[in-house]
Amino acid sequence: MDDINFFDKVYQVARLIPQGRVTSYGAIASYLGTKGSSRMVGYAMQACSNAKPPVPAHRVVNRQGLLTAKQHFGGDRMAEMLRSEGVEVIEDQVQDFKNKFWDPAIELDLEK
């Protein structure tokens, strides 16, 4: 992964988030070894609209499960996308966040 830029690394991790699960900007940053760069992960998510293959940016929320990037999707689209995958969202908050949370540091380590 050393030969690719930070945004591409973020996209690689985000593409691994399973349907029906969410992760946080900070969890991705921490997994990439850049714990203090959660804001940069957010910038990467904002810039991913033309990425190929597509990046499921709607599955990345803040550390409390809030849909802080919903304005980038327009209206209630982020919540609708999550709901279509079985994630309950009430007032821009992922419900049962602890059980829906996908931590790449744990989940990707299990795949090794």
PDB file of N, CA and C in Angstrom:
ATOM      1  N   MET A   1       0.814  -1.200   0.000  1.00  0.00           N
ATOM      2  CA  MET A   1       0.000   0.000   0.000  1.00  0.00           C
ATOM      3  C   MET A   1       0.857   1.264   0.000  1.00  0.00           C
ATOM      4  N   ASP A   2       2.158   1.142   0.139  1.00  0.00           N
ATOM      5  CA  ASP A   2       3.016   2.312   0.240  1.00  0.00           C
ATOM      6  C   ASP A   2       3.077   3.136  -1.034  1.00  0.00           C
ATOM      7  N   ASP A   3       2.822   2.548  -2.182  1.00  0.00           N
ATOM      8  CA  ASP A   3       2.955   3.257  -3.448  1.00  0.00           C
ATOM      9  C   ASP A   3       1.712   4.061  -3.833  1.00  0.00           C
ATOM     10  N   ILE A   4       0.672   4.000  -3.044  1.00  0.00           N
ATOM     11  CA  ILE A   4      -0.546   4.727  -3.406  1.00  0.00           C
ATOM     12  C   ILE A   4      -0.789   5.864  -2.426  1.00  0.00           C
ATOM     13  N   ASN A   5      -1.549   6.851  -2.854  1.00  0.00           N
ATOM     14  CA  ASN A   5      -1.758   8.017  -1.987  1.00  0.00           C
ATOM     15  C   ASN A   5      -2.765   7.717  -0.873  1.00  0.00           C
ATOM     16  N   PHE A   6      -2.818   8.621   0.091  1.00  0.00           N
ATOM     17  CA  PHE A   6      -3.645   8.434   1.272  1.00  0.00           C
ATOM     18  C   PHE A   6      -5.115   8.223   0.925  1.00  0.00           C
ATOM     19  N   PHE A   7      -5.665   9.054   0.022  1.00  0.00           N
ATOM     20  CA  PHE A   7      -7.073   8.906  -0.340  1.00  0.00           C
ATOM     21  C   PHE A   7      -7.337   7.516  -0.901  1.00  0.00           C
ATOM     22  N   ASP A   8      -6.452   7.011  -1.744  1.00  0.00           N
ATOM     23  CA  ASP A   8      -6.649   5.673  -2.307  1.00  0.00           C
ATOM     24  C   ASP A   8      -6.596   4.596  -1.233  1.00  0.00           C
ATOM     25  N   LYS A   9      -5.752   4.785  -0.237  1.00  0.00           N
ATOM     26  CA  LYS A   9      -5.701   3.831   0.882  1.00  0.00           C
ATOM     27  C   LYS A   9      -7.029   3.849   1.641  1.00  0.00           C
ATOM     28  N   VAL A  10      -7.543   5.045   1.868  1.00  0.00           N
ATOM     29  CA  VAL A  10      -8.843   5.184   2.538  1.00  0.00           C
ATOM     30  C   VAL A  10      -9.919   4.462   1.731  1.00  0.00           C
ATOM     31  N   TYR A  11      -9.907   4.668   0.416  1.00  0.00           N
ATOM     32  CA  TYR A  11     -10.912   4.041  -0.442  1.00  0.00           C
ATOM     33  C   TYR A  11     -10.800   2.518  -0.400  1.00  0.00           C
ATOM     34  N   GLN A  12      -9.587   2.005  -0.363  1.00  0.00           N
ATOM     35  CA  GLN A  12      -9.412   0.549  -0.294  1.00  0.00           C
ATOM     36  C   GLN A  12     -10.058  -0.015   0.966  1.00  0.00           C
ATOM     37  N   VAL A  13      -9.855   0.659   2.084  1.00  0.00           N
ATOM     38  CA  VAL A  13     -10.453   0.196   3.344  1.00  0.00           C
ATOM     39  C   VAL A  13     -11.970   0.352   3.293  1.00  0.00           C
ATOM     40  N   ALA A  14     -12.458   1.503   2.857  1.00  0.00           N
ATOM     41  CA  ALA A  14     -13.906   1.753   2.830  1.00  0.00           C
ATOM     42  C   ALA A  14     -14.636   0.749   1.946  1.00  0.00           C
ATOM     43  N   ARG A  15     -14.006   0.322   0.875  1.00  0.00           N
ATOM     44  CA  ARG A  15     -14.655  -0.658  -0.020  1.00  0.00           C
ATOM     45  C   ARG A  15     -14.847  -2.013   0.656  1.00  0.00           C
ATOM     46  N   LEU A  16     -14.154  -2.247   1.754  1.00  0.00           N
ATOM     47  CA  LEU A  16     -14.250  -3.519   2.466  1.00  0.00           C
ATOM     48  C   LEU A  16     -15.349  -3.533   3.528  1.00  0.00           C
ATOM     49  N   ILE A  17     -15.944  -2.383   3.813  1.00  0.00           N
ATOM     50  CA  ILE A  17     -17.014  -2.320   4.812  1.00  0.00           C
ATOM     51  C   ILE A  17     -18.211  -3.093   4.269  1.00  0.00           C
ATOM     52  N   PRO A  18     -18.639  -4.124   4.979  1.00  0.00           N
ATOM     53  CA  PRO A  18     -19.768  -4.926   4.483  1.00  0.00           C
ATOM     54  C   PRO A  18     -21.087  -4.154   4.502  1.00  0.00           C
ATOM     55  N   GLN A  19     -21.990  -4.536   3.630  1.00  0.00           N
ATOM     56  CA  GLN A  19     -23.340  -3.972   3.662  1.00  0.00           C
ATOM     57  C   GLN A  19     -23.932  -4.222   5.038  1.00  0.00           C
ATOM     58  N   GLY A  20     -24.675  -3.239   5.528  1.00  0.00           N
ATOM     59  CA  GLY A  20     -25.320  -3.394   6.827  1.00  0.00           C
ATOM     60  C   GLY A  20     -24.420  -3.073   8.001  1.00  0.00           C
ATOM     61  N   ARG A  21     -23.219  -2.606   7.727  1.00  0.00           N
ATOM     62  CA  ARG A  21     -22.265  -2.241   8.786  1.00  0.00           C
ATOM     63  C   ARG A  21     -21.774  -0.822   8.521  1.00  0.00           C
ATOM     64  N   VAL A  22     -21.244  -0.173   9.546  1.00  0.00           N
ATOM     65  CA  VAL A  22     -20.672   1.161   9.418  1.00  0.00           C
ATOM     66  C   VAL A  22     -19.340   1.209  10.156  1.00  0.00           C
ATOM     67  N   THR A  23     -18.526   2.171   9.783  1.00  0.00           N
ATOM     68  CA  THR A  23     -17.291   2.429  10.504  1.00  0.00           C
ATOM     69  C   THR A  23     -17.156   3.929  10.672  1.00  0.00           C
ATOM     70  N   SER A  24     -16.085   4.346  11.332  1.00  0.00           N
ATOM     71  CA  SER A  24     -15.883   5.773  11.569  1.00  0.00           C
ATOM     72  C   SER A  24     -14.644   6.269  10.833  1.00  0.00           C
ATOM     73  N   TYR A  25     -14.601   7.567  10.673  1.00  0.00           N
ATOM     74  CA  TYR A  25     -13.425   8.191  10.059  1.00  0.00           C
ATOM     75  C   TYR A  25     -12.177   7.843  10.862  1.00  0.00           C
ATOM     76  N   GLY A  26     -12.298   7.925  12.177  1.00  0.00           N
ATOM     77  CA  GLY A  26     -11.172   7.644  13.058  1.00  0.00           C
ATOM     78  C   GLY A  26     -10.705   6.206  12.999  1.00  0.00           C
ATOM     79  N   ALA A  27     -11.639   5.268  12.848  1.00  0.00           N
ATOM     80  CA  ALA A  27     -11.260   3.853  12.769  1.00  0.00           C
ATOM     81  C   ALA A  27     -10.453   3.583  11.510  1.00  0.00           C
ATOM     82  N   ILE A  28     -10.840   4.217  10.407  1.00  0.00           N
ATOM     83  CA  ILE A  28     -10.075   4.056   9.166  1.00  0.00           C
ATOM     84  C   ILE A  28      -8.696   4.686   9.329  1.00  0.00           C
ATOM     85  N   ALA A  29      -8.652   5.902   9.884  1.00  0.00           N
ATOM     86  CA  ALA A  29      -7.368   6.583  10.092  1.00  0.00           C
ATOM     87  C   ALA A  29      -6.446   5.746  10.974  1.00  0.00           C
ATOM     88  N   SER A  30      -6.985   5.219  12.053  1.00  0.00           N
ATOM     89  CA  SER A  30      -6.185   4.405  12.972  1.00  0.00           C
ATOM     90  C   SER A  30      -5.666   3.151  12.279  1.00  0.00           C
ATOM     91  N   TYR A  31      -6.515   2.500  11.511  1.00  0.00           N
ATOM     92  CA  TYR A  31      -6.097   1.299  10.782  1.00  0.00           C
ATOM     93  C   TYR A  31      -4.955   1.604   9.827  1.00  0.00           C
ATOM     94  N   LEU A  32      -4.991   2.776   9.223  1.00  0.00           N
ATOM     95  CA  LEU A  32      -3.950   3.159   8.264  1.00  0.00           C
ATOM     96  C   LEU A  32      -2.684   3.667   8.955  1.00  0.00           C
ATOM     97  N   GLY A  33      -2.684   3.692  10.293  1.00  0.00           N
ATOM     98  CA  GLY A  33      -1.504   4.115  11.029  1.00  0.00           C
ATOM     99  C   GLY A  33      -1.377   5.626  11.142  1.00  0.00           C
ATOM    100  N   THR A  34      -2.465   6.329  10.897  1.00  0.00           N
ATOM    101  CA  THR A  34      -2.475   7.790  10.965  1.00  0.00           C
ATOM    102  C   THR A  34      -3.609   8.233  11.886  1.00  0.00           C
ATOM    103  N   LYS A  35      -3.525   7.807  13.128  1.00  0.00           N
ATOM    104  CA  LYS A  35      -4.621   7.969  14.088  1.00  0.00           C
ATOM    105  C   LYS A  35      -5.206   9.377  14.154  1.00  0.00           C
ATOM    106  N   GLY A  36      -4.400  10.407  14.028  1.00  0.00           N
ATOM    107  CA  GLY A  36      -4.898  11.771  14.139  1.00  0.00           C
ATOM    108  C   GLY A  36      -5.460  12.350  12.855  1.00  0.00           C
ATOM    109  N   SER A  37      -5.645  11.531  11.838  1.00  0.00           N
ATOM    110  CA  SER A  37      -6.038  12.066  10.535  1.00  0.00           C
ATOM    111  C   SER A  37      -7.478  11.744  10.150  1.00  0.00           C
ATOM    112  N   SER A  38      -8.367  11.643  11.127  1.00  0.00           N
ATOM    113  CA  SER A  38      -9.756  11.322  10.794  1.00  0.00           C
ATOM    114  C   SER A  38     -10.383  12.398   9.907  1.00  0.00           C
ATOM    115  N   ARG A  39      -9.968  13.632  10.080  1.00  0.00           N
ATOM    116  CA  ARG A  39     -10.495  14.704   9.225  1.00  0.00           C
ATOM    117  C   ARG A  39     -10.073  14.488   7.769  1.00  0.00           C
ATOM    118  N   MET A  40      -8.852  14.017   7.554  1.00  0.00           N
ATOM    119  CA  MET A  40      -8.385  13.719   6.194  1.00  0.00           C
ATOM    120  C   MET A  40      -9.192  12.567   5.589  1.00  0.00           C
ATOM    121  N   VAL A  41      -9.583  11.603   6.416  1.00  0.00           N
ATOM    122  CA  VAL A  41     -10.443  10.522   5.936  1.00  0.00           C
ATOM    123  C   VAL A  41     -11.770  11.118   5.472  1.00  0.00           C
ATOM    124  N   GLY A  42     -12.280  12.083   6.225  1.00  0.00           N
ATOM    125  CA  GLY A  42     -13.505  12.767   5.834  1.00  0.00           C
ATOM    126  C   GLY A  42     -13.350  13.488   4.501  1.00  0.00           C
ATOM    127  N   TYR A  43     -12.212  14.139   4.313  1.00  0.00           N
ATOM    128  CA  TYR A  43     -11.958  14.805   3.031  1.00  0.00           C
ATOM    129  C   TYR A  43     -11.915  13.786   1.897  1.00  0.00           C
ATOM    130  N   ALA A  44     -11.321  12.642   2.174  1.00  0.00           N
ATOM    131  CA  ALA A  44     -11.266  11.583   1.157  1.00  0.00           C
ATOM    132  C   ALA A  44     -12.674  11.123   0.796  1.00  0.00           C
ATOM    133  N   MET A  45     -13.530  10.963   1.795  1.00  0.00           N
ATOM    134  CA  MET A  45     -14.905  10.544   1.532  1.00  0.00           C
ATOM    135  C   MET A  45     -15.641  11.592   0.694  1.00  0.00           C
ATOM    136  N   GLN A  46     -15.384  12.868   0.966  1.00  0.00           N
ATOM    137  CA  GLN A  46     -16.018  13.932   0.185  1.00  0.00           C
ATOM    138  C   GLN A  46     -15.588  13.902  -1.277  1.00  0.00           C
ATOM    139  N   ALA A  47     -14.361  13.444  -1.506  1.00  0.00           N
ATOM    140  CA  ALA A  47     -13.784  13.476  -2.856  1.00  0.00           C
ATOM    141  C   ALA A  47     -13.957  12.180  -3.641  1.00  0.00           C
ATOM    142  N   CYS A  48     -14.700  11.232  -3.109  1.00  0.00           N
ATOM    143  CA  CYS A  48     -14.729   9.899  -3.711  1.00  0.00           C
ATOM    144  C   CYS A  48     -15.826   9.674  -4.744  1.00  0.00           C
ATOM    145  N   SER A  49     -16.587  10.681  -5.077  1.00  0.00           N
ATOM    146  CA  SER A  49     -17.748  10.462  -5.941  1.00  0.00           C
ATOM    147  C   SER A  49     -17.417   9.873  -7.308  1.00  0.00           C
ATOM    148  N   ASN A  50     -16.231  10.120  -7.824  1.00  0.00           N
ATOM    149  CA  ASN A  50     -15.855   9.579  -9.138  1.00  0.00           C
ATOM    150  C   ASN A  50     -14.879   8.417  -9.044  1.00  0.00           C
ATOM    151  N   ALA A  51     -14.619   7.937  -7.840  1.00  0.00           N
ATOM    152  CA  ALA A  51     -13.654   6.847  -7.667  1.00  0.00           C
ATOM    153  C   ALA A  51     -14.169   5.566  -8.324  1.00  0.00           C
ATOM    154  N   LYS A  52     -13.269   4.837  -8.910  1.00  0.00           N
ATOM    155  CA  LYS A  52     -13.574   3.547  -9.537  1.00  0.00           C
ATOM    156  C   LYS A  52     -12.660   2.492  -8.925  1.00  0.00           C
ATOM    157  N   PRO A  53     -13.219   1.372  -8.468  1.00  0.00           N
ATOM    158  CA  PRO A  53     -14.647   1.108  -8.274  1.00  0.00           C
ATOM    159  C   PRO A  53     -15.244   2.065  -7.237  1.00  0.00           C
ATOM    160  N   PRO A  54     -16.570   2.142  -7.188  1.00  0.00           N
ATOM    161  CA  PRO A  54     -17.232   3.065  -6.261  1.00  0.00           C
ATOM    162  C   PRO A  54     -16.858   2.811  -4.801  1.00  0.00           C
ATOM    163  N   VAL A  55     -16.920   3.854  -4.004  1.00  0.00           N
ATOM    164  CA  VAL A  55     -16.616   3.790  -2.566  1.00  0.00           C
ATOM    165  C   VAL A  55     -17.931   3.964  -1.804  1.00  0.00           C
ATOM    166  N   PRO A  56     -18.256   3.045  -0.896  1.00  0.00           N
ATOM    167  CA  PRO A  56     -19.498   3.174  -0.121  1.00  0.00           C
ATOM    168  C   PRO A  56     -19.349   4.181   1.024  1.00  0.00           C
ATOM    169  N   ALA A  57     -19.189   5.444   0.667  1.00  0.00           N
ATOM    170  CA  ALA A  57     -18.943   6.500   1.653  1.00  0.00           C
ATOM    171  C   ALA A  57     -20.089   6.635   2.654  1.00  0.00           C
ATOM    172  N   HIS A  58     -21.285   6.209   2.271  1.00  0.00           N
ATOM    173  CA  HIS A  58     -22.429   6.304   3.190  1.00  0.00           C
ATOM    174  C   HIS A  58     -22.246   5.422   4.423  1.00  0.00           C
ATOM    175  N   ARG A  59     -21.319   4.484   4.375  1.00  0.00           N
ATOM    176  CA  ARG A  59     -21.072   3.583   5.515  1.00  0.00           C
ATOM    177  C   ARG A  59     -20.047   4.144   6.496  1.00  0.00           C
ATOM    178  N   VAL A  60     -19.562   5.353   6.253  1.00  0.00           N
ATOM    179  CA  VAL A  60     -18.579   5.972   7.144  1.00  0.00           C
ATOM    180  C   VAL A  60     -19.251   7.128   7.873  1.00  0.00           C
ATOM    181  N   VAL A  61     -19.264   7.028   9.197  1.00  0.00           N
ATOM    182  CA  VAL A  61     -19.953   7.993  10.061  1.00  0.00           C
ATOM    183  C   VAL A  61     -18.974   8.496  11.125  1.00  0.00           C
ATOM    184  N   ASN A  62     -19.415   9.382  11.991  1.00  0.00           N
ATOM    185  CA  ASN A  62     -18.498   9.833  13.033  1.00  0.00           C
ATOM    186  C   ASN A  62     -18.437   8.804  14.169  1.00  0.00           C
ATOM    187  N   ARG A  63     -17.597   9.051  15.127  1.00  0.00           N
ATOM    188  CA  ARG A  63     -17.324   8.055  16.179  1.00  0.00           C
ATOM    189  C   ARG A  63     -18.511   7.766  17.088  1.00  0.00           C
ATOM    190  N   GLN A  64     -19.545   8.587  16.981  1.00  0.00           N
ATOM    191  CA  GLN A  64     -20.757   8.361  17.774  1.00  0.00           C
ATOM    192  C   GLN A  64     -21.900   7.806  16.933  1.00  0.00           C
ATOM    193  N   GLY A  65     -21.611   7.534  15.673  1.00  0.00           N
ATOM    194  CA  GLY A  65     -22.646   6.995  14.798  1.00  0.00           C
ATOM    195  C   GLY A  65     -23.530   8.039  14.148  1.00  0.00           C
ATOM    196  N   LEU A  66     -23.102   9.288  14.177  1.00  0.00           N
ATOM    197  CA  LEU A  66     -23.880  10.363  13.571  1.00  0.00           C
ATOM    198  C   LEU A  66     -23.530  10.517  12.091  1.00  0.00           C
ATOM    199  N   LEU A  67     -24.537  10.815  11.291  1.00  0.00           N
ATOM    200  CA  LEU A  67     -24.342  11.009   9.856  1.00  0.00           C
ATOM    201  C   LEU A  67     -23.886  12.445   9.600  1.00  0.00           C
ATOM    202  N   THR A  68     -22.678  12.758   9.994  1.00  0.00           N
ATOM    203  CA  THR A  68     -22.177  14.125   9.898  1.00  0.00           C
ATOM    204  C   THR A  68     -21.907  14.557   8.459  1.00  0.00           C
ATOM    205  N   ALA A  69     -21.833  13.635   7.522  1.00  0.00           N
ATOM    206  CA  ALA A  69     -21.562  13.979   6.122  1.00  0.00           C
ATOM    207  C   ALA A  69     -22.823  13.950   5.263  1.00  0.00           C
ATOM    208  N   LYS A  70     -23.967  13.879   5.888  1.00  0.00           N
ATOM    209  CA  LYS A  70     -25.210  13.704   5.127  1.00  0.00           C
ATOM    210  C   LYS A  70     -25.451  14.797   4.106  1.00  0.00           C
ATOM    211  N   GLN A  71     -24.973  16.020   4.366  1.00  0.00           N
ATOM    212  CA  GLN A  71     -25.199  17.116   3.421  1.00  0.00           C
ATOM    213  C   GLN A  71     -24.517  16.854   2.080  1.00  0.00           C
ATOM    214  N   HIS A  72     -23.492  16.031   2.063  1.00  0.00           N
ATOM    215  CA  HIS A  72     -22.784  15.716   0.816  1.00  0.00           C
ATOM    216  C   HIS A  72     -23.570  14.726  -0.055  1.00  0.00           C
ATOM    217  N   PHE A  73     -24.580  14.107   0.521  1.00  0.00           N
ATOM    218  CA  PHE A  73     -25.397  13.145  -0.215  1.00  0.00           C
ATOM    219  C   PHE A  73     -26.688  13.784  -0.716  1.00  0.00           C
ATOM    220  N   GLY A  74     -27.058  14.900  -0.119  1.00  0.00           N
ATOM    221  CA  GLY A  74     -28.286  15.584  -0.502  1.00  0.00           C
ATOM    222  C   GLY A  74     -29.481  15.027   0.241  1.00  0.00           C
ATOM    223  N   GLY A  75     -30.152  15.876   0.966  1.00  0.00           N
ATOM    224  CA  GLY A  75     -31.357  15.474   1.685  1.00  0.00           C
ATOM    225  C   GLY A  75     -31.109  14.342   2.662  1.00  0.00           C
ATOM    226  N   ASP A  76     -31.957  13.322   2.579  1.00  0.00           N
ATOM    227  CA  ASP A  76     -31.897  12.190   3.507  1.00  0.00           C
ATOM    228  C   ASP A  76     -31.277  10.959   2.832  1.00  0.00           C
ATOM    229  N   ARG A  77     -30.571  11.176   1.723  1.00  0.00           N
ATOM    230  CA  ARG A  77     -30.058  10.063   0.921  1.00  0.00           C
ATOM    231  C   ARG A  77     -29.104   9.147   1.684  1.00  0.00           C
ATOM    232  N   MET A  78     -28.208   9.700   2.507  1.00  0.00           N
ATOM    233  CA  MET A  78     -27.264   8.863   3.255  1.00  0.00           C
ATOM    234  C   MET A  78     -28.022   7.896   4.175  1.00  0.00           C
ATOM    235  N   ALA A  79     -28.992   8.427   4.902  1.00  0.00           N
ATOM    236  CA  ALA A  79     -29.801   7.593   5.797  1.00  0.00           C
ATOM    237  C   ALA A  79     -30.582   6.554   5.009  1.00  0.00           C
ATOM    238  N   GLU A  80     -31.136   6.954   3.873  1.00  0.00           N
ATOM    239  CA  GLU A  80     -31.896   6.022   3.042  1.00  0.00           C
ATOM    240  C   GLU A  80     -31.007   4.880   2.536  1.00  0.00           C
ATOM    241  N   MET A  81     -29.785   5.211   2.142  1.00  0.00           N
ATOM    242  CA  MET A  81     -28.860   4.181   1.657  1.00  0.00           C
ATOM    243  C   MET A  81     -28.539   3.193   2.779  1.00  0.00           C
ATOM    244  N   LEU A  82     -28.310   3.716   3.979  1.00  0.00           N
ATOM    245  CA  LEU A  82     -28.025   2.831   5.113  1.00  0.00           C
ATOM    246  C   LEU A  82     -29.239   1.978   5.458  1.00  0.00           C
ATOM    247  N   ARG A  83     -30.408   2.582   5.471  1.00  0.00           N
ATOM    248  CA  ARG A  83     -31.636   1.829   5.772  1.00  0.00           C
ATOM    249  C   ARG A  83     -31.856   0.709   4.761  1.00  0.00           C
ATOM    250  N   SER A  84     -31.532   0.970   3.499  1.00  0.00           N
ATOM    251  CA  SER A  84     -31.716  -0.057   2.467  1.00  0.00           C
ATOM    252  C   SER A  84     -30.802  -1.259   2.701  1.00  0.00           C
ATOM    253  N   GLU A  85     -29.767  -1.068   3.519  1.00  0.00           N
ATOM    254  CA  GLU A  85     -28.844  -2.153   3.855  1.00  0.00           C
ATOM    255  C   GLU A  85     -29.135  -2.743   5.237  1.00  0.00           C
ATOM    256  N   GLY A  86     -30.231  -2.302   5.857  1.00  0.00           N
ATOM    257  CA  GLY A  86     -30.613  -2.868   7.145  1.00  0.00           C
ATOM    258  C   GLY A  86     -30.076  -2.122   8.353  1.00  0.00           C
ATOM    259  N   VAL A  87     -29.526  -0.941   8.154  1.00  0.00           N
ATOM    260  CA  VAL A  87     -29.032  -0.135   9.269  1.00  0.00           C
ATOM    261  C   VAL A  87     -30.137   0.842   9.663  1.00  0.00           C
ATOM    262  N   GLU A  88     -30.574   0.756  10.904  1.00  0.00           N
ATOM    263  CA  GLU A  88     -31.615   1.661  11.369  1.00  0.00           C
ATOM    264  C   GLU A  88     -31.005   3.012  11.710  1.00  0.00           C
ATOM    265  N   VAL A  89     -31.594   4.068  11.170  1.00  0.00           N
ATOM    266  CA  VAL A  89     -31.129   5.431  11.408  1.00  0.00           C
ATOM    267  C   VAL A  89     -32.321   6.253  11.879  1.00  0.00           C
ATOM    268  N   ILE A  90     -32.165   6.881  13.040  1.00  0.00           N
ATOM    269  CA  ILE A  90     -33.197   7.754  13.578  1.00  0.00           C
ATOM    270  C   ILE A  90     -32.553   9.096  13.893  1.00  0.00           C
ATOM    271  N   GLU A  91     -33.114  10.162  13.306  1.00  0.00           N
ATOM    272  CA  GLU A  91     -32.597  11.521  13.509  1.00  0.00           C
ATOM    273  C   GLU A  91     -31.087  11.584  13.285  1.00  0.00           C
ATOM    274  N   ASP A  92     -30.666  11.051  12.147  1.00  0.00           N
ATOM    275  CA  ASP A  92     -29.260  11.072  11.710  1.00  0.00           C
ATOM    276  C   ASP A  92     -28.308  10.322  12.648  1.00  0.00           C
ATOM    277  N   GLN A  93     -28.831   9.383  13.399  1.00  0.00           N
ATOM    278  CA  GLN A  93     -28.028   8.596  14.340  1.00  0.00           C
ATOM    279  C   GLN A  93     -28.218   7.108  14.031  1.00  0.00           C
ATOM    280  N   VAL A  94     -27.094   6.397  13.815  1.00  0.00           N
ATOM    281  CA  VAL A  94     -27.159   4.955  13.603  1.00  0.00           C
ATOM    282  C   VAL A  94     -27.584   4.310  14.920  1.00  0.00           C
ATOM    283  N   GLN A  95     -28.628   3.506  14.857  1.00  0.00           N
ATOM    284  CA  GLN A  95     -29.106   2.794  16.036  1.00  0.00           C
ATOM    285  C   GLN A  95     -28.325   1.489  16.188  1.00  0.00           C
ATOM    286  N   ASP A  96     -28.171   1.037  17.419  1.00  0.00           N
ATOM    287  CA  ASP A  96     -27.406  -0.184  17.712  1.00  0.00           C
ATOM    288  C   ASP A  96     -25.986  -0.058  17.129  1.00  0.00           C
ATOM    289  N   PHE A  97     -25.428   1.141  17.274  1.00  0.00           N
ATOM    290  CA  PHE A  97     -24.125   1.465  16.683  1.00  0.00           C
ATOM    291  C   PHE A  97     -23.036   0.471  17.075  1.00  0.00           C
ATOM    292  N   LYS A  98     -23.022   0.081  18.332  1.00  0.00           N
ATOM    293  CA  LYS A  98     -21.973  -0.835  18.808  1.00  0.00           C
ATOM    294  C   LYS A  98     -21.972  -2.141  18.006  1.00  0.00           C
ATOM    295  N   ASN A  99     -23.154  -2.674  17.707  1.00  0.00           N
ATOM    296  CA  ASN A  99     -23.231  -3.930  16.968  1.00  0.00           C
ATOM    297  C   ASN A  99     -23.112  -3.757  15.458  1.00  0.00           C
ATOM    298  N   LYS A 100     -23.390  -2.578  14.968  1.00  0.00           N
ATOM    299  CA  LYS A 100     -23.262  -2.301  13.528  1.00  0.00           C
ATOM    300  C   LYS A 100     -21.848  -1.844  13.161  1.00  0.00           C
ATOM    301  N   PHE A 101     -21.066  -1.483  14.183  1.00  0.00           N
ATOM    302  CA  PHE A 101     -19.732  -0.922  13.948  1.00  0.00           C
ATOM    303  C   PHE A 101     -18.766  -1.981  13.414  1.00  0.00           C
ATOM    304  N   TRP A 102     -18.099  -1.634  12.342  1.00  0.00           N
ATOM    305  CA  TRP A 102     -17.091  -2.489  11.703  1.00  0.00           C
ATOM    306  C   TRP A 102     -15.746  -1.816  11.913  1.00  0.00           C
ATOM    307  N   ASP A 103     -14.880  -2.449  12.707  1.00  0.00           N
ATOM    308  CA  ASP A 103     -13.557  -1.888  13.003  1.00  0.00           C
ATOM    309  C   ASP A 103     -12.538  -2.576  12.114  1.00  0.00           C
ATOM    310  N   PRO A 104     -11.957  -1.858  11.143  1.00  0.00           N
ATOM    311  CA  PRO A 104     -11.013  -2.512  10.234  1.00  0.00           C
ATOM    312  C   PRO A 104      -9.819  -3.123  10.959  1.00  0.00           C
ATOM    313  N   ALA A 105      -9.408  -2.539  12.077  1.00  0.00           N
ATOM    314  CA  ALA A 105      -8.258  -3.085  12.811  1.00  0.00           C
ATOM    315  C   ALA A 105      -8.556  -4.485  13.341  1.00  0.00           C
ATOM    316  N   ILE A 106      -9.814  -4.747  13.647  1.00  0.00           N
ATOM    317  CA  ILE A 106     -10.216  -6.071  14.143  1.00  0.00           C
ATOM    318  C   ILE A 106     -10.646  -6.966  12.988  1.00  0.00           C
ATOM    319  N   GLU A 107     -11.565  -6.459  12.174  1.00  0.00           N
ATOM    320  CA  GLU A 107     -12.156  -7.274  11.107  1.00  0.00           C
ATOM    321  C   GLU A 107     -11.132  -7.701  10.056  1.00  0.00           C
ATOM    322  N   LEU A 108     -10.267  -6.790   9.653  1.00  0.00           N
ATOM    323  CA  LEU A 108      -9.297  -7.141   8.606  1.00  0.00           C
ATOM    324  C   LEU A 108      -8.192  -8.017   9.161  1.00  0.00           C
ATOM    325  N   ASP A 109      -7.901  -7.897  10.465  1.00  0.00           N
ATOM    326  CA  ASP A 109      -6.929  -8.770  11.098  1.00  0.00           C
ATOM    327  C   ASP A 109      -7.444 -10.208  11.131  1.00  0.00           C
ATOM    328  N   LEU A 110      -8.757 -10.381  11.286  1.00  0.00           N
ATOM    329  CA  LEU A 110      -9.362 -11.710  11.307  1.00  0.00           C
ATOM    330  C   LEU A 110      -9.247 -12.403   9.958  1.00  0.00           C
ATOM    331  N   GLU A 111      -9.190 -11.620   8.886  1.00  0.00           N
ATOM    332  CA  GLU A 111      -9.125 -12.194   7.543  1.00  0.00           C
ATOM    333  C   GLU A 111      -7.740 -12.673   7.165  1.00  0.00           C
ATOM    334  N   LYS A 112      -6.732 -12.286   7.941  1.00  0.00           N
ATOM    335  CA  LYS A 112      -5.351 -12.664   7.609  1.00  0.00           C
ATOM    336  C   LYS A 112      -5.093 -14.125   7.884  1.00  0.00           C
TER     337      LYS A 112
END
